């Protein structure tokens, strides 16, 4: 649901200044399914899993490099399995279970960013 944006430290990374129309589901000939509404410039639904994974790995890496490292709690709420089911190119057709299966495979593989085009 809108607004479509990323949040860091309780604030939008980029404010949603644009609007996106609703899409059709793949069964209806669309590229995914999302509701219309406010969207941040540059936001792409298909990039969400990768960007969240990259952000989390950056946080973990920075924490592990600190000499004064201490325990911390990190909660990652992935967008999957919710719509839109938009697997990146490297996972499309990979599961033989449709786009949802491909999206699940991408989610399962999200601990290895950079392999999305494999």
C-alpha atoms as a PDB file:
ATOM      1  CA  UNK A   1       0.000   0.000   0.000  1.00  0.00           C
ATOM      2  CA  UNK A   2       1.104   3.517  -0.596  1.00  0.00           C
ATOM      3  CA  UNK A   3       3.077   5.538   0.074  1.00  0.00           C
ATOM      4  CA  UNK A   4       5.849   3.638  -1.707  1.00  0.00           C
ATOM      5  CA  UNK A   5       9.137   4.702  -0.141  1.00  0.00           C
ATOM      6  CA  UNK A   6      11.974   3.564   2.099  1.00  0.00           C
ATOM      7  CA  UNK A   7      12.199   4.644   5.741  1.00  0.00           C
ATOM      8  CA  UNK A   8      15.414   5.004   7.740  1.00  0.00           C
ATOM      9  CA  UNK A   9      15.530   6.173  11.357  1.00  0.00           C
ATOM     10  CA  UNK A  10      11.793   6.861  11.373  1.00  0.00           C
ATOM     11  CA  UNK A  11      11.919   9.233   8.388  1.00  0.00           C
ATOM     12  CA  UNK A  12      11.482   8.824   4.629  1.00  0.00           C
ATOM     13  CA  UNK A  13      14.769   8.414   2.747  1.00  0.00           C
ATOM     14  CA  UNK A  14      13.120  10.277  -0.144  1.00  0.00           C
ATOM     15  CA  UNK A  15       9.703  11.864   0.263  1.00  0.00           C
ATOM     16  CA  UNK A  16       6.883  10.554  -1.931  1.00  0.00           C
ATOM     17  CA  UNK A  17       6.324  13.436  -4.324  1.00  0.00           C
ATOM     18  CA  UNK A  18       4.975  11.436  -7.259  1.00  0.00           C
ATOM     19  CA  UNK A  19       1.939   9.295  -7.928  1.00  0.00           C
ATOM     20  CA  UNK A  20       1.770   5.815  -9.441  1.00  0.00           C
ATOM     21  CA  UNK A  21      -1.379   4.372 -10.997  1.00  0.00           C
ATOM     22  CA  UNK A  22      -2.646   0.974  -9.867  1.00  0.00           C
ATOM     23  CA  UNK A  23      -1.337  -2.011 -11.785  1.00  0.00           C
ATOM     24  CA  UNK A  24      -2.988  -5.153 -12.994  1.00  0.00           C
ATOM     25  CA  UNK A  25      -1.990  -8.538 -11.659  1.00  0.00           C
ATOM     26  CA  UNK A  26      -0.005 -10.883 -13.880  1.00  0.00           C
ATOM     27  CA  UNK A  27      -3.179 -12.937 -14.433  1.00  0.00           C
ATOM     28  CA  UNK A  28      -4.755  -9.832 -15.937  1.00  0.00           C
ATOM     29  CA  UNK A  29      -1.772  -9.089 -18.171  1.00  0.00           C
ATOM     30  CA  UNK A  30       0.007  -6.717 -15.781  1.00  0.00           C
ATOM     31  CA  UNK A  31       3.561  -6.773 -14.471  1.00  0.00           C
ATOM     32  CA  UNK A  32       2.631  -7.201 -10.812  1.00  0.00           C
ATOM     33  CA  UNK A  33      -0.013  -5.871  -8.506  1.00  0.00           C
ATOM     34  CA  UNK A  34       0.089  -2.717  -6.438  1.00  0.00           C
ATOM     35  CA  UNK A  35      -2.423  -0.114  -5.459  1.00  0.00           C
ATOM     36  CA  UNK A  36      -2.145   3.350  -6.893  1.00  0.00           C
ATOM     37  CA  UNK A  37      -0.881   6.148  -4.716  1.00  0.00           C
ATOM     38  CA  UNK A  38       2.037   8.260  -3.590  1.00  0.00           C
ATOM     39  CA  UNK A  39       5.539   7.124  -4.549  1.00  0.00           C
ATOM     40  CA  UNK A  40       9.062   8.414  -3.935  1.00  0.00           C
ATOM     41  CA  UNK A  41      11.129   9.348  -6.993  1.00  0.00           C
ATOM     42  CA  UNK A  42      13.228   6.389  -8.120  1.00  0.00           C
ATOM     43  CA  UNK A  43      11.244   3.820  -6.113  1.00  0.00           C
ATOM     44  CA  UNK A  44      10.903   0.535  -8.016  1.00  0.00           C
ATOM     45  CA  UNK A  45       8.830  -2.289  -6.582  1.00  0.00           C
ATOM     46  CA  UNK A  46      11.136  -4.932  -8.029  1.00  0.00           C
ATOM     47  CA  UNK A  47      14.131  -3.473  -6.139  1.00  0.00           C
ATOM     48  CA  UNK A  48      12.639  -3.726  -2.633  1.00  0.00           C
ATOM     49  CA  UNK A  49      14.018  -7.145  -1.596  1.00  0.00           C
ATOM     50  CA  UNK A  50      17.505  -6.387  -2.876  1.00  0.00           C
ATOM     51  CA  UNK A  51      17.655  -2.921  -1.302  1.00  0.00           C
ATOM     52  CA  UNK A  52      16.430  -4.185   2.085  1.00  0.00           C
ATOM     53  CA  UNK A  53      18.981  -7.008   2.025  1.00  0.00           C
ATOM     54  CA  UNK A  54      21.815  -4.654   1.074  1.00  0.00           C
ATOM     55  CA  UNK A  55      20.854  -2.232   3.855  1.00  0.00           C
ATOM     56  CA  UNK A  56      20.791  -4.980   6.492  1.00  0.00           C
ATOM     57  CA  UNK A  57      24.134  -6.414   5.382  1.00  0.00           C
ATOM     58  CA  UNK A  58      25.672  -2.935   5.516  1.00  0.00           C
ATOM     59  CA  UNK A  59      24.404  -2.430   9.070  1.00  0.00           C
ATOM     60  CA  UNK A  60      25.741  -5.833  10.175  1.00  0.00           C
ATOM     61  CA  UNK A  61      29.101  -5.231   8.492  1.00  0.00           C
ATOM     62  CA  UNK A  62      29.527  -1.786  10.076  1.00  0.00           C
ATOM     63  CA  UNK A  63      28.605  -3.180  13.470  1.00  0.00           C
ATOM     64  CA  UNK A  64      31.058  -6.069  13.197  1.00  0.00           C
ATOM     65  CA  UNK A  65      33.925  -3.709  12.254  1.00  0.00           C
ATOM     66  CA  UNK A  66      33.513  -1.561  15.364  1.00  0.00           C
ATOM     67  CA  UNK A  67      36.025  -2.170  18.131  1.00  0.00           C
ATOM     68  CA  UNK A  68      33.414  -1.265  20.748  1.00  0.00           C
ATOM     69  CA  UNK A  69      30.912  -3.722  19.266  1.00  0.00           C
ATOM     70  CA  UNK A  70      28.051  -4.761  21.481  1.00  0.00           C
ATOM     71  CA  UNK A  71      24.945  -6.858  21.012  1.00  0.00           C
ATOM     72  CA  UNK A  72      22.124  -5.339  19.048  1.00  0.00           C
ATOM     73  CA  UNK A  73      18.709  -6.333  17.762  1.00  0.00           C
ATOM     74  CA  UNK A  74      17.822  -5.958  14.106  1.00  0.00           C
ATOM     75  CA  UNK A  75      14.319  -6.705  12.883  1.00  0.00           C
ATOM     76  CA  UNK A  76      13.927  -7.129   9.139  1.00  0.00           C
ATOM     77  CA  UNK A  77      10.381  -7.259   7.797  1.00  0.00           C
ATOM     78  CA  UNK A  78      10.571  -8.343   4.180  1.00  0.00           C
ATOM     79  CA  UNK A  79       7.941  -7.302   1.677  1.00  0.00           C
ATOM     80  CA  UNK A  80       7.492 -10.875   0.529  1.00  0.00           C
ATOM     81  CA  UNK A  81       5.310 -12.922   0.375  1.00  0.00           C
ATOM     82  CA  UNK A  82       3.005  -9.963  -0.252  1.00  0.00           C
ATOM     83  CA  UNK A  83       2.336  -8.403  -3.619  1.00  0.00           C
ATOM     84  CA  UNK A  84       3.715  -7.294  -5.888  1.00  0.00           C
ATOM     85  CA  UNK A  85       5.404 -10.568  -6.797  1.00  0.00           C
ATOM     86  CA  UNK A  86       8.144  -9.161  -8.966  1.00  0.00           C
ATOM     87  CA  UNK A  87      11.165 -11.442  -9.138  1.00  0.00           C
ATOM     88  CA  UNK A  88      14.246  -9.870 -10.683  1.00  0.00           C
ATOM     89  CA  UNK A  89      15.374 -11.101 -14.094  1.00  0.00           C
ATOM     90  CA  UNK A  90      17.754 -13.751 -12.735  1.00  0.00           C
ATOM     91  CA  UNK A  91      14.908 -15.513 -10.898  1.00  0.00           C
ATOM     92  CA  UNK A  92      12.165 -15.263 -13.517  1.00  0.00           C
ATOM     93  CA  UNK A  93      11.218 -18.780 -14.648  1.00  0.00           C
ATOM     94  CA  UNK A  94      13.713 -20.379 -12.261  1.00  0.00           C
ATOM     95  CA  UNK A  95      11.256 -22.118  -9.915  1.00  0.00           C
ATOM     96  CA  UNK A  96       8.930 -23.629 -12.536  1.00  0.00           C
ATOM     97  CA  UNK A  97       6.132 -22.532 -10.173  1.00  0.00           C
ATOM     98  CA  UNK A  98       5.214 -19.189 -11.736  1.00  0.00           C
ATOM     99  CA  UNK A  99       6.185 -15.709 -10.628  1.00  0.00           C
ATOM    100  CA  UNK A 100       5.182 -16.342  -7.031  1.00  0.00           C
ATOM    101  CA  UNK A 101       7.504 -19.356  -6.876  1.00  0.00           C
ATOM    102  CA  UNK A 102      10.267 -17.301  -8.494  1.00  0.00           C
ATOM    103  CA  UNK A 103       9.699 -14.531  -5.948  1.00  0.00           C
ATOM    104  CA  UNK A 104       9.887 -17.051  -3.081  1.00  0.00           C
ATOM    105  CA  UNK A 105      13.188 -18.376  -4.499  1.00  0.00           C
ATOM    106  CA  UNK A 106      14.519 -14.811  -4.669  1.00  0.00           C
ATOM    107  CA  UNK A 107      13.429 -14.220  -1.071  1.00  0.00           C
ATOM    108  CA  UNK A 108      15.145 -17.417   0.069  1.00  0.00           C
ATOM    109  CA  UNK A 109      18.285 -16.310  -1.742  1.00  0.00           C
ATOM    110  CA  UNK A 110      18.218 -12.757  -0.368  1.00  0.00           C
ATOM    111  CA  UNK A 111      21.095 -13.570   1.979  1.00  0.00           C
ATOM    112  CA  UNK A 112      23.363 -13.520  -1.081  1.00  0.00           C
ATOM    113  CA  UNK A 113      22.910 -10.089  -2.696  1.00  0.00           C
ATOM    114  CA  UNK A 114      24.570  -9.544  -6.028  1.00  0.00           C
ATOM    115  CA  UNK A 115      23.476 -12.933  -7.331  1.00  0.00           C
ATOM    116  CA  UNK A 116      20.175 -11.600  -8.656  1.00  0.00           C
ATOM    117  CA  UNK A 117      21.366 -11.904 -12.254  1.00  0.00           C
ATOM    118  CA  UNK A 118      22.766 -15.418 -11.774  1.00  0.00           C
END
